[in-house]
Amino acid sequence: MRDWAEAHGHQALAAPQIDADEQVAATLTALAVRVTGATGFCRGSGGNSMVMITFGRVALAMADGSASTFNININ
């Protein structure tokens, strides 16, 4: 995301830390999902910080030990 922000002239988005409320954080994370081609994100707790983590391909483990994967295309 930092590389994309710098390449497109969005220096504020390239900062290692951004002060944002929950709505702005969710919007920035949605942008990161789009830019990086991630399939989604989850929000975790981090004390005084809000942690947003993007992820790629999703794998589901079945009770019998088999697995299934899928990709979500948002283009």
Protein backbone atom coordinates (compact mmCIF):
# COMPACT_ATOMS: atom_id res chain seq x y z
CA MET A 1 0.00 0.00 0.00
CA ARG A 2 2.85 2.37 0.82
CA ASP A 3 4.42 1.81 -2.63
CA TRP A 4 1.07 2.51 -4.32
CA ALA A 5 0.48 5.65 -2.23
CA GLU A 6 3.92 7.05 -3.00
CA ALA A 7 3.64 6.21 -6.71
CA HIS A 8 0.28 7.97 -6.94
CA GLY A 9 1.18 11.08 -4.94
CA HIS A 10 -0.69 10.19 -1.74
CA GLN A 11 2.11 10.79 0.76
CA ALA A 12 -0.26 10.91 3.75
CA LEU A 13 -1.32 7.32 3.01
CA ALA A 14 2.33 6.20 2.95
CA ALA A 15 2.89 7.13 6.60
CA PRO A 16 3.63 4.26 9.01
CA GLN A 17 0.78 5.44 11.25
CA ILE A 18 -2.36 7.42 10.46
CA ASP A 19 -4.67 8.97 13.05
CA ALA A 20 -8.18 7.93 12.00
CA ASP A 21 -11.54 7.10 13.52
CA GLU A 22 -13.19 3.74 12.86
CA GLN A 23 -15.00 4.95 9.72
CA VAL A 24 -11.87 6.39 8.13
CA ALA A 25 -9.89 3.26 9.07
CA ALA A 26 -12.50 1.04 7.39
CA THR A 27 -12.44 3.23 4.27
CA LEU A 28 -8.64 3.13 4.09
CA THR A 29 -8.69 -0.64 4.56
CA ALA A 30 -11.24 -1.02 1.75
CA LEU A 31 -8.87 1.01 -0.45
CA ALA A 32 -6.00 -1.29 0.54
CA VAL A 33 -8.11 -4.35 -0.34
CA ARG A 34 -8.80 -2.90 -3.78
CA VAL A 35 -5.23 -1.75 -4.47
CA THR A 36 -3.53 -4.95 -3.30
CA GLY A 37 -6.09 -7.38 -4.72
CA ALA A 38 -6.79 -8.84 -1.29
CA THR A 39 -10.02 -10.79 -0.84
CA GLY A 40 -11.03 -9.15 2.41
CA PHE A 41 -10.00 -7.84 5.79
CA CYS A 42 -10.63 -8.32 9.47
CA ARG A 43 -10.42 -5.95 12.40
CA GLY A 44 -8.58 -6.88 15.54
CA SER A 45 -8.13 -5.16 18.84
CA GLY A 46 -4.82 -3.58 19.65
CA GLY A 47 -5.26 -1.68 22.90
CA ASN A 48 -5.31 2.00 21.94
CA SER A 49 -4.84 1.09 18.28
CA MET A 50 -7.19 -0.33 15.70
CA VAL A 51 -5.61 -3.19 13.76
CA MET A 52 -6.89 -3.92 10.27
CA ILE A 53 -5.42 -6.93 8.46
CA THR A 54 -6.03 -7.75 4.81
CA PHE A 55 -5.95 -11.32 3.53
CA GLY A 56 -5.85 -13.20 0.26
CA ARG A 57 -7.18 -16.62 -0.69
CA VAL A 58 -9.49 -18.16 1.89
CA ALA A 59 -9.17 -21.84 2.85
CA LEU A 60 -11.89 -23.67 4.76
CA ALA A 61 -11.07 -26.83 6.70
CA MET A 62 -13.88 -29.37 6.82
CA ALA A 63 -14.61 -31.64 9.79
CA ASP A 64 -13.33 -34.64 7.80
CA GLY A 65 -9.96 -32.92 7.25
CA SER A 66 -10.52 -31.98 3.63
CA ALA A 67 -10.04 -28.37 2.58
CA SER A 68 -11.69 -26.07 0.12
CA THR A 69 -10.40 -22.72 -1.15
CA PHE A 70 -11.97 -19.88 -3.04
CA ASN A 71 -11.09 -16.45 -4.37
CA ILE A 72 -13.33 -13.42 -4.52
CA ASN A 73 -12.88 -11.15 -7.54
CA ILE A 74 -13.95 -7.54 -6.91
CA ASN A 75 -12.88 -6.11 -10.27
